[in-house]
Amino acid sequence: MTEDQAETIAAQALGWLASDPDLMGVFLGASGMSIDDLRGGAGSPEILGAVLDFVCMDDDWVVRFCDDTGRRYEDPARARAVLAGPAGMHWT
């Protein structure tokens, strides 16, 4: 998976979150971001990574996201790994 593909998946995940106000509220609360913070940094690798981290926290969210967008179930985690790069990988 390329970085561009990973960013596309993350942007889709952000759009998917935005379509569910309740889940978006959970994301904002968990991340500590305001909606303005999110809007201002929506394209940044940090925000996109946080979105994928959040979606990957719950298997049901992964399944819903992937079913709603036609993605494979492993795509969010693979995209997150690409966005993290080698420095973001840890084995503990």
PDB file of N, CA and C in Angstrom:
ATOM      1  N   MET A   1       0.842  -1.170   0.000  1.00  0.00           N
ATOM      2  CA  MET A   1       0.000   0.000   0.000  1.00  0.00           C
ATOM      3  C   MET A   1       0.892   1.239   0.000  1.00  0.00           C
ATOM      4  N   THR A   2       0.563   2.180  -0.849  1.00  0.00           N
ATOM      5  CA  THR A   2       1.326   3.420  -0.924  1.00  0.00           C
ATOM      6  C   THR A   2       0.825   4.415   0.124  1.00  0.00           C
ATOM      7  N   GLU A   3       1.613   5.440   0.341  1.00  0.00           N
ATOM      8  CA  GLU A   3       1.208   6.486   1.281  1.00  0.00           C
ATOM      9  C   GLU A   3      -0.057   7.189   0.784  1.00  0.00           C
ATOM     10  N   ASP A   4      -0.154   7.425  -0.524  1.00  0.00           N
ATOM     11  CA  ASP A   4      -1.356   8.052  -1.085  1.00  0.00           C
ATOM     12  C   ASP A   4      -2.591   7.193  -0.841  1.00  0.00           C
ATOM     13  N   GLN A   5      -2.462   5.886  -1.014  1.00  0.00           N
ATOM     14  CA  GLN A   5      -3.590   4.993  -0.759  1.00  0.00           C
ATOM     15  C   GLN A   5      -3.969   5.020   0.722  1.00  0.00           C
ATOM     16  N   ALA A   6      -2.967   5.026   1.583  1.00  0.00           N
ATOM     17  CA  ALA A   6      -3.224   5.072   3.019  1.00  0.00           C
ATOM     18  C   ALA A   6      -3.930   6.375   3.408  1.00  0.00           C
ATOM     19  N   GLU A   7      -3.501   7.474   2.828  1.00  0.00           N
ATOM     20  CA  GLU A   7      -4.141   8.760   3.110  1.00  0.00           C
ATOM     21  C   GLU A   7      -5.580   8.769   2.612  1.00  0.00           C
ATOM     22  N   THR A   8      -5.827   8.143   1.470  1.00  0.00           N
ATOM     23  CA  THR A   8      -7.189   8.059   0.940  1.00  0.00           C
ATOM     24  C   THR A   8      -8.085   7.267   1.887  1.00  0.00           C
ATOM     25  N   ILE A   9      -7.596   6.155   2.387  1.00  0.00           N
ATOM     26  CA  ILE A   9      -8.371   5.340   3.325  1.00  0.00           C
ATOM     27  C   ILE A   9      -8.647   6.134   4.600  1.00  0.00           C
ATOM     28  N   ALA A  10      -7.640   6.837   5.101  1.00  0.00           N
ATOM     29  CA  ALA A  10      -7.818   7.636   6.311  1.00  0.00           C
ATOM     30  C   ALA A  10      -8.829   8.756   6.085  1.00  0.00           C
ATOM     31  N   ALA A  11      -8.772   9.405   4.930  1.00  0.00           N
ATOM     32  CA  ALA A  11      -9.736  10.457   4.621  1.00  0.00           C
ATOM     33  C   ALA A  11     -11.146   9.880   4.518  1.00  0.00           C
ATOM     34  N   GLN A  12     -11.265   8.685   3.947  1.00  0.00           N
ATOM     35  CA  GLN A  12     -12.572   8.027   3.908  1.00  0.00           C
ATOM     36  C   GLN A  12     -13.063   7.723   5.317  1.00  0.00           C
ATOM     37  N   ALA A  13     -12.150   7.295   6.175  1.00  0.00           N
ATOM     38  CA  ALA A  13     -12.528   7.000   7.560  1.00  0.00           C
ATOM     39  C   ALA A  13     -13.000   8.269   8.266  1.00  0.00           C
ATOM     40  N   LEU A  14     -12.347   9.378   8.004  1.00  0.00           N
ATOM     41  CA  LEU A  14     -12.774  10.644   8.591  1.00  0.00           C
ATOM     42  C   LEU A  14     -14.167  11.018   8.097  1.00  0.00           C
ATOM     43  N   GLY A  15     -14.398  10.875   6.804  1.00  0.00           N
ATOM     44  CA  GLY A  15     -15.721  11.152   6.256  1.00  0.00           C
ATOM     45  C   GLY A  15     -16.781  10.229   6.835  1.00  0.00           C
ATOM     46  N   TRP A  16     -16.400   8.971   7.025  1.00  0.00           N
ATOM     47  CA  TRP A  16     -17.323   7.999   7.607  1.00  0.00           C
ATOM     48  C   TRP A  16     -17.664   8.390   9.042  1.00  0.00           C
ATOM     49  N   LEU A  17     -16.658   8.797   9.810  1.00  0.00           N
ATOM     50  CA  LEU A  17     -16.912   9.266  11.177  1.00  0.00           C
ATOM     51  C   LEU A  17     -17.831  10.479  11.181  1.00  0.00           C
ATOM     52  N   ALA A  18     -17.556  11.408  10.279  1.00  0.00           N
ATOM     53  CA  ALA A  18     -18.347  12.639  10.222  1.00  0.00           C
ATOM     54  C   ALA A  18     -19.809  12.358   9.891  1.00  0.00           C
ATOM     55  N   SER A  19     -20.083  11.244   9.227  1.00  0.00           N
ATOM     56  CA  SER A  19     -21.463  10.919   8.864  1.00  0.00           C
ATOM     57  C   SER A  19     -22.250  10.347  10.043  1.00  0.00           C
ATOM     58  N   ASP A  20     -21.575  10.068  11.147  1.00  0.00           N
ATOM     59  CA  ASP A  20     -22.216   9.524  12.344  1.00  0.00           C
ATOM     60  C   ASP A  20     -21.933  10.477  13.513  1.00  0.00           C
ATOM     61  N   PRO A  21     -22.862  11.411  13.781  1.00  0.00           N
ATOM     62  CA  PRO A  21     -22.601  12.421  14.816  1.00  0.00           C
ATOM     63  C   PRO A  21     -22.275  11.828  16.189  1.00  0.00           C
ATOM     64  N   ASP A  22     -22.916  10.718  16.554  1.00  0.00           N
ATOM     65  CA  ASP A  22     -22.633  10.121  17.855  1.00  0.00           C
ATOM     66  C   ASP A  22     -21.201   9.596  17.918  1.00  0.00           C
ATOM     67  N   LEU A  23     -20.792   8.879  16.892  1.00  0.00           N
ATOM     68  CA  LEU A  23     -19.441   8.334  16.862  1.00  0.00           C
ATOM     69  C   LEU A  23     -18.398   9.447  16.732  1.00  0.00           C
ATOM     70  N   MET A  24     -18.727  10.483  15.981  1.00  0.00           N
ATOM     71  CA  MET A  24     -17.819  11.627  15.879  1.00  0.00           C
ATOM     72  C   MET A  24     -17.624  12.261  17.249  1.00  0.00           C
ATOM     73  N   GLY A  25     -18.685  12.352  18.023  1.00  0.00           N
ATOM     74  CA  GLY A  25     -18.580  12.887  19.379  1.00  0.00           C
ATOM     75  C   GLY A  25     -17.671  12.043  20.256  1.00  0.00           C
ATOM     76  N   VAL A  26     -17.765  10.727  20.100  1.00  0.00           N
ATOM     77  CA  VAL A  26     -16.887   9.824  20.859  1.00  0.00           C
ATOM     78  C   VAL A  26     -15.439  10.052  20.441  1.00  0.00           C
ATOM     79  N   PHE A  27     -15.199  10.171  19.129  1.00  0.00           N
ATOM     80  CA  PHE A  27     -13.846  10.423  18.633  1.00  0.00           C
ATOM     81  C   PHE A  27     -13.295  11.736  19.189  1.00  0.00           C
ATOM     82  N   LEU A  28     -14.082  12.789  19.107  1.00  0.00           N
ATOM     83  CA  LEU A  28     -13.604  14.086  19.598  1.00  0.00           C
ATOM     84  C   LEU A  28     -13.310  14.025  21.090  1.00  0.00           C
ATOM     85  N   GLY A  29     -14.176  13.365  21.844  1.00  0.00           N
ATOM     86  CA  GLY A  29     -13.943  13.232  23.275  1.00  0.00           C
ATOM     87  C   GLY A  29     -12.697  12.415  23.588  1.00  0.00           C
ATOM     88  N   ALA A  30     -12.513  11.327  22.850  1.00  0.00           N
ATOM     89  CA  ALA A  30     -11.357  10.456  23.089  1.00  0.00           C
ATOM     90  C   ALA A  30     -10.054  11.127  22.684  1.00  0.00           C
ATOM     91  N   SER A  31     -10.103  11.915  21.618  1.00  0.00           N
ATOM     92  CA  SER A  31      -8.879  12.539  21.111  1.00  0.00           C
ATOM     93  C   SER A  31      -8.563  13.859  21.804  1.00  0.00           C
ATOM     94  N   GLY A  32      -9.567  14.464  22.417  1.00  0.00           N
ATOM     95  CA  GLY A  32      -9.369  15.771  23.032  1.00  0.00           C
ATOM     96  C   GLY A  32      -9.387  16.919  22.042  1.00  0.00           C
ATOM     97  N   MET A  33      -9.726  16.621  20.800  1.00  0.00           N
ATOM     98  CA  MET A  33      -9.781  17.658  19.768  1.00  0.00           C
ATOM     99  C   MET A  33     -11.146  18.330  19.761  1.00  0.00           C
ATOM    100  N   SER A  34     -11.154  19.566  19.325  1.00  0.00           N
ATOM    101  CA  SER A  34     -12.408  20.240  19.028  1.00  0.00           C
ATOM    102  C   SER A  34     -12.697  20.026  17.542  1.00  0.00           C
ATOM    103  N   ILE A  35     -13.892  20.333  17.151  1.00  0.00           N
ATOM    104  CA  ILE A  35     -14.236  20.223  15.730  1.00  0.00           C
ATOM    105  C   ILE A  35     -13.376  21.180  14.900  1.00  0.00           C
ATOM    106  N   ASP A  36     -13.033  22.335  15.465  1.00  0.00           N
ATOM    107  CA  ASP A  36     -12.165  23.285  14.756  1.00  0.00           C
ATOM    108  C   ASP A  36     -10.752  22.730  14.597  1.00  0.00           C
ATOM    109  N   ASP A  37     -10.246  22.047  15.637  1.00  0.00           N
ATOM    110  CA  ASP A  37      -8.935  21.397  15.531  1.00  0.00           C
ATOM    111  C   ASP A  37      -8.950  20.378  14.399  1.00  0.00           C
ATOM    112  N   LEU A  38     -10.025  19.608  14.362  1.00  0.00           N
ATOM    113  CA  LEU A  38     -10.150  18.567  13.348  1.00  0.00           C
ATOM    114  C   LEU A  38     -10.214  19.171  11.951  1.00  0.00           C
ATOM    115  N   ARG A  39     -11.014  20.181  11.789  1.00  0.00           N
ATOM    116  CA  ARG A  39     -11.121  20.837  10.471  1.00  0.00           C
ATOM    117  C   ARG A  39      -9.787  21.433  10.037  1.00  0.00           C
ATOM    118  N   GLY A  40      -9.091  22.056  10.978  1.00  0.00           N
ATOM    119  CA  GLY A  40      -7.827  22.711  10.659  1.00  0.00           C
ATOM    120  C   GLY A  40      -6.708  21.752  10.294  1.00  0.00           C
ATOM    121  N   GLY A  41      -6.756  20.550  10.815  1.00  0.00           N
ATOM    122  CA  GLY A  41      -5.670  19.612  10.570  1.00  0.00           C
ATOM    123  C   GLY A  41      -6.080  18.347   9.853  1.00  0.00           C
ATOM    124  N   ALA A  42      -7.242  18.362   9.232  1.00  0.00           N
ATOM    125  CA  ALA A  42      -7.820  17.134   8.660  1.00  0.00           C
ATOM    126  C   ALA A  42      -6.899  16.411   7.687  1.00  0.00           C
ATOM    127  N   GLY A  43      -6.038  17.107   7.000  1.00  0.00           N
ATOM    128  CA  GLY A  43      -5.163  16.453   6.036  1.00  0.00           C
ATOM    129  C   GLY A  43      -3.804  16.060   6.583  1.00  0.00           C
ATOM    130  N   SER A  44      -3.556  16.373   7.845  1.00  0.00           N
ATOM    131  CA  SER A  44      -2.236  16.094   8.398  1.00  0.00           C
ATOM    132  C   SER A  44      -2.100  14.612   8.736  1.00  0.00           C
ATOM    133  N   PRO A  45      -0.883  14.091   8.625  1.00  0.00           N
ATOM    134  CA  PRO A  45      -0.667  12.680   8.965  1.00  0.00           C
ATOM    135  C   PRO A  45      -1.043  12.350  10.408  1.00  0.00           C
ATOM    136  N   GLU A  46      -0.849  13.297  11.319  1.00  0.00           N
ATOM    137  CA  GLU A  46      -1.188  13.056  12.721  1.00  0.00           C
ATOM    138  C   GLU A  46      -2.689  12.866  12.912  1.00  0.00           C
ATOM    139  N   ILE A  47      -3.465  13.719  12.285  1.00  0.00           N
ATOM    140  CA  ILE A  47      -4.931  13.623  12.408  1.00  0.00           C
ATOM    141  C   ILE A  47      -5.427  12.369  11.697  1.00  0.00           C
ATOM    142  N   LEU A  48      -4.927  12.133  10.497  1.00  0.00           N
ATOM    143  CA  LEU A  48      -5.348  10.939   9.758  1.00  0.00           C
ATOM    144  C   LEU A  48      -4.976   9.675  10.515  1.00  0.00           C
ATOM    145  N   GLY A  49      -3.808   9.667  11.134  1.00  0.00           N
ATOM    146  CA  GLY A  49      -3.409   8.526  11.942  1.00  0.00           C
ATOM    147  C   GLY A  49      -4.308   8.350  13.162  1.00  0.00           C
ATOM    148  N   ALA A  50      -4.677   9.462  13.790  1.00  0.00           N
ATOM    149  CA  ALA A  50      -5.562   9.394  14.952  1.00  0.00           C
ATOM    150  C   ALA A  50      -6.930   8.840  14.565  1.00  0.00           C
ATOM    151  N   VAL A  51      -7.413   9.223  13.403  1.00  0.00           N
ATOM    152  CA  VAL A  51      -8.699   8.702  12.919  1.00  0.00           C
ATOM    153  C   VAL A  51      -8.610   7.185  12.737  1.00  0.00           C
ATOM    154  N   LEU A  52      -7.547   6.730  12.093  1.00  0.00           N
ATOM    155  CA  LEU A  52      -7.401   5.289  11.885  1.00  0.00           C
ATOM    156  C   LEU A  52      -7.180   4.551  13.204  1.00  0.00           C
ATOM    157  N   ASP A  53      -6.421   5.137  14.109  1.00  0.00           N
ATOM    158  CA  ASP A  53      -6.250   4.530  15.431  1.00  0.00           C
ATOM    159  C   ASP A  53      -7.607   4.350  16.104  1.00  0.00           C
ATOM    160  N   PHE A  54      -8.432   5.373  16.017  1.00  0.00           N
ATOM    161  CA  PHE A  54      -9.746   5.325  16.647  1.00  0.00           C
ATOM    162  C   PHE A  54     -10.623   4.252  16.010  1.00  0.00           C
ATOM    163  N   VAL A  55     -10.712   4.241  14.703  1.00  0.00           N
ATOM    164  CA  VAL A  55     -11.550   3.248  14.023  1.00  0.00           C
ATOM    165  C   VAL A  55     -11.082   1.840  14.372  1.00  0.00           C
ATOM    166  N   CYS A  56      -9.777   1.642  14.437  1.00  0.00           N
ATOM    167  CA  CYS A  56      -9.222   0.310  14.704  1.00  0.00           C
ATOM    168  C   CYS A  56      -9.378  -0.122  16.163  1.00  0.00           C
ATOM    169  N   MET A  57      -9.830   0.767  17.027  1.00  0.00           N
ATOM    170  CA  MET A  57     -10.027   0.405  18.428  1.00  0.00           C
ATOM    171  C   MET A  57     -11.168  -0.592  18.630  1.00  0.00           C
ATOM    172  N   ASP A  58     -12.089  -0.649  17.693  1.00  0.00           N
ATOM    173  CA  ASP A  58     -13.279  -1.477  17.886  1.00  0.00           C
ATOM    174  C   ASP A  58     -13.541  -2.268  16.604  1.00  0.00           C
ATOM    175  N   ASP A  59     -13.565  -3.573  16.741  1.00  0.00           N
ATOM    176  CA  ASP A  59     -13.795  -4.419  15.559  1.00  0.00           C
ATOM    177  C   ASP A  59     -15.097  -4.086  14.856  1.00  0.00           C
ATOM    178  N   ASP A  60     -16.130  -3.740  15.614  1.00  0.00           N
ATOM    179  CA  ASP A  60     -17.414  -3.385  14.991  1.00  0.00           C
ATOM    180  C   ASP A  60     -17.280  -2.131  14.129  1.00  0.00           C
ATOM    181  N   TRP A  61     -16.479  -1.176  14.579  1.00  0.00           N
ATOM    182  CA  TRP A  61     -16.270   0.034  13.782  1.00  0.00           C
ATOM    183  C   TRP A  61     -15.518  -0.292  12.504  1.00  0.00           C
ATOM    184  N   VAL A  62     -14.520  -1.155  12.609  1.00  0.00           N
ATOM    185  CA  VAL A  62     -13.767  -1.563  11.415  1.00  0.00           C
ATOM    186  C   VAL A  62     -14.711  -2.213  10.415  1.00  0.00           C
ATOM    187  N   VAL A  63     -15.526  -3.139  10.892  1.00  0.00           N
ATOM    188  CA  VAL A  63     -16.460  -3.843  10.005  1.00  0.00           C
ATOM    189  C   VAL A  63     -17.447  -2.863   9.385  1.00  0.00           C
ATOM    190  N   ARG A  64     -18.008  -1.979  10.199  1.00  0.00           N
ATOM    191  CA  ARG A  64     -18.976  -1.004   9.655  1.00  0.00           C
ATOM    192  C   ARG A  64     -18.325  -0.098   8.626  1.00  0.00           C
ATOM    193  N   PHE A  65     -17.146   0.437   8.956  1.00  0.00           N
ATOM    194  CA  PHE A  65     -16.448   1.316   8.020  1.00  0.00           C
ATOM    195  C   PHE A  65     -16.170   0.597   6.705  1.00  0.00           C
ATOM    196  N   CYS A  66     -15.632  -0.595   6.803  1.00  0.00           N
ATOM    197  CA  CYS A  66     -15.255  -1.333   5.595  1.00  0.00           C
ATOM    198  C   CYS A  66     -16.485  -1.748   4.791  1.00  0.00           C
ATOM    199  N   ASP A  67     -17.527  -2.187   5.464  1.00  0.00           N
ATOM    200  CA  ASP A  67     -18.752  -2.550   4.753  1.00  0.00           C
ATOM    201  C   ASP A  67     -19.373  -1.337   4.072  1.00  0.00           C
ATOM    202  N   ASP A  68     -19.350  -0.193   4.758  1.00  0.00           N
ATOM    203  CA  ASP A  68     -19.948   1.025   4.196  1.00  0.00           C
ATOM    204  C   ASP A  68     -19.149   1.601   3.039  1.00  0.00           C
ATOM    205  N   THR A  69     -17.845   1.352   3.012  1.00  0.00           N
ATOM    206  CA  THR A  69     -16.992   1.970   1.986  1.00  0.00           C
ATOM    207  C   THR A  69     -16.442   0.973   0.969  1.00  0.00           C
ATOM    208  N   GLY A  70     -16.769  -0.294   1.141  1.00  0.00           N
ATOM    209  CA  GLY A  70     -16.279  -1.304   0.201  1.00  0.00           C
ATOM    210  C   GLY A  70     -14.812  -1.657   0.380  1.00  0.00           C
ATOM    211  N   ARG A  71     -14.282  -1.384   1.542  1.00  0.00           N
ATOM    212  CA  ARG A  71     -12.874  -1.684   1.835  1.00  0.00           C
ATOM    213  C   ARG A  71     -12.742  -3.088   2.411  1.00  0.00           C
ATOM    214  N   ARG A  72     -11.520  -3.616   2.329  1.00  0.00           N
ATOM    215  CA  ARG A  72     -11.212  -4.891   2.987  1.00  0.00           C
ATOM    216  C   ARG A  72     -10.998  -4.617   4.467  1.00  0.00           C
ATOM    217  N   TYR A  73     -11.310  -5.604   5.286  1.00  0.00           N
ATOM    218  CA  TYR A  73     -11.234  -5.402   6.735  1.00  0.00           C
ATOM    219  C   TYR A  73      -9.819  -5.087   7.216  1.00  0.00           C
ATOM    220  N   GLU A  74      -8.826  -5.505   6.506  1.00  0.00           N
ATOM    221  CA  GLU A  74      -7.454  -5.217   6.935  1.00  0.00           C
ATOM    222  C   GLU A  74      -6.960  -3.843   6.482  1.00  0.00           C
ATOM    223  N   ASP A  75      -7.699  -3.165   5.620  1.00  0.00           N
ATOM    224  CA  ASP A  75      -7.234  -1.892   5.069  1.00  0.00           C
ATOM    225  C   ASP A  75      -6.979  -0.803   6.113  1.00  0.00           C
ATOM    226  N   PRO A  76      -7.851  -0.594   7.105  1.00  0.00           N
ATOM    227  CA  PRO A  76      -7.549   0.475   8.071  1.00  0.00           C
ATOM    228  C   PRO A  76      -6.239   0.251   8.830  1.00  0.00           C
ATOM    229  N   ALA A  77      -5.991  -0.966   9.274  1.00  0.00           N
ATOM    230  CA  ALA A  77      -4.751  -1.240  10.011  1.00  0.00           C
ATOM    231  C   ALA A  77      -3.531  -1.139   9.097  1.00  0.00           C
ATOM    232  N   ARG A  78      -3.650  -1.608   7.883  1.00  0.00           N
ATOM    233  CA  ARG A  78      -2.530  -1.496   6.943  1.00  0.00           C
ATOM    234  C   ARG A  78      -2.247  -0.028   6.628  1.00  0.00           C
ATOM    235  N   ALA A  79      -3.306   0.757   6.426  1.00  0.00           N
ATOM    236  CA  ALA A  79      -3.122   2.179   6.149  1.00  0.00           C
ATOM    237  C   ALA A  79      -2.467   2.871   7.331  1.00  0.00           C
ATOM    238  N   ARG A  80      -2.864   2.494   8.541  1.00  0.00           N
ATOM    239  CA  ARG A  80      -2.276   3.101   9.737  1.00  0.00           C
ATOM    240  C   ARG A  80      -0.790   2.792   9.817  1.00  0.00           C
ATOM    241  N   ALA A  81      -0.429   1.568   9.501  1.00  0.00           N
ATOM    242  CA  ALA A  81       0.988   1.187   9.535  1.00  0.00           C
ATOM    243  C   ALA A  81       1.788   1.987   8.512  1.00  0.00           C
ATOM    244  N   VAL A  82       1.235   2.206   7.348  1.00  0.00           N
ATOM    245  CA  VAL A  82       1.930   2.986   6.314  1.00  0.00           C
ATOM    246  C   VAL A  82       2.095   4.429   6.766  1.00  0.00           C
ATOM    247  N   LEU A  83       1.041   5.017   7.326  1.00  0.00           N
ATOM    248  CA  LEU A  83       1.122   6.411   7.772  1.00  0.00           C
ATOM    249  C   LEU A  83       2.098   6.569   8.933  1.00  0.00           C
ATOM    250  N   ALA A  84       2.215   5.566   9.779  1.00  0.00           N
ATOM    251  CA  ALA A  84       3.137   5.638  10.918  1.00  0.00           C
ATOM    252  C   ALA A  84       4.580   5.562  10.462  1.00  0.00           C
ATOM    253  N   GLY A  85       4.833   4.844   9.364  1.00  0.00           N
ATOM    254  CA  GLY A  85       6.175   4.673   8.877  1.00  0.00           C
ATOM    255  C   GLY A  85       6.993   3.797   9.809  1.00  0.00           C
ATOM    256  N   PRO A  86       8.242   3.585   9.490  1.00  0.00           N
ATOM    257  CA  PRO A  86       9.092   2.699  10.308  1.00  0.00           C
ATOM    258  C   PRO A  86       9.241   3.181  11.750  1.00  0.00           C
ATOM    259  N   ALA A  87       9.251   4.486  11.971  1.00  0.00           N
ATOM    260  CA  ALA A  87       9.414   4.996  13.317  1.00  0.00           C
ATOM    261  C   ALA A  87       8.201   4.705  14.190  1.00  0.00           C
ATOM    262  N   GLY A  88       7.056   4.504  13.572  1.00  0.00           N
ATOM    263  CA  GLY A  88       5.841   4.237  14.333  1.00  0.00           C
ATOM    264  C   GLY A  88       5.633   2.783  14.679  1.00  0.00           C
ATOM    265  N   MET A  89       6.482   1.925  14.174  1.00  0.00           N
ATOM    266  CA  MET A  89       6.340   0.491  14.446  1.00  0.00           C
ATOM    267  C   MET A  89       7.023   0.139  15.759  1.00  0.00           C
ATOM    268  N   HIS A  90       6.339  -0.648  16.554  1.00  0.00           N
ATOM    269  CA  HIS A  90       6.945  -1.158  17.784  1.00  0.00           C
ATOM    270  C   HIS A  90       6.477  -2.600  17.969  1.00  0.00           C
ATOM    271  N   TRP A  91       7.234  -3.356  18.681  1.00  0.00           N
ATOM    272  CA  TRP A  91       6.979  -4.802  18.767  1.00  0.00           C
ATOM    273  C   TRP A  91       6.684  -5.229  20.188  1.00  0.00           C
ATOM    274  N   THR A  92       6.205  -4.329  21.024  1.00  0.00           N
ATOM    275  CA  THR A  92       5.866  -4.693  22.400  1.00  0.00           C
ATOM    276  C   THR A  92       4.391  -4.755  22.591  1.00  0.00           C
TER     277      THR A  92
END
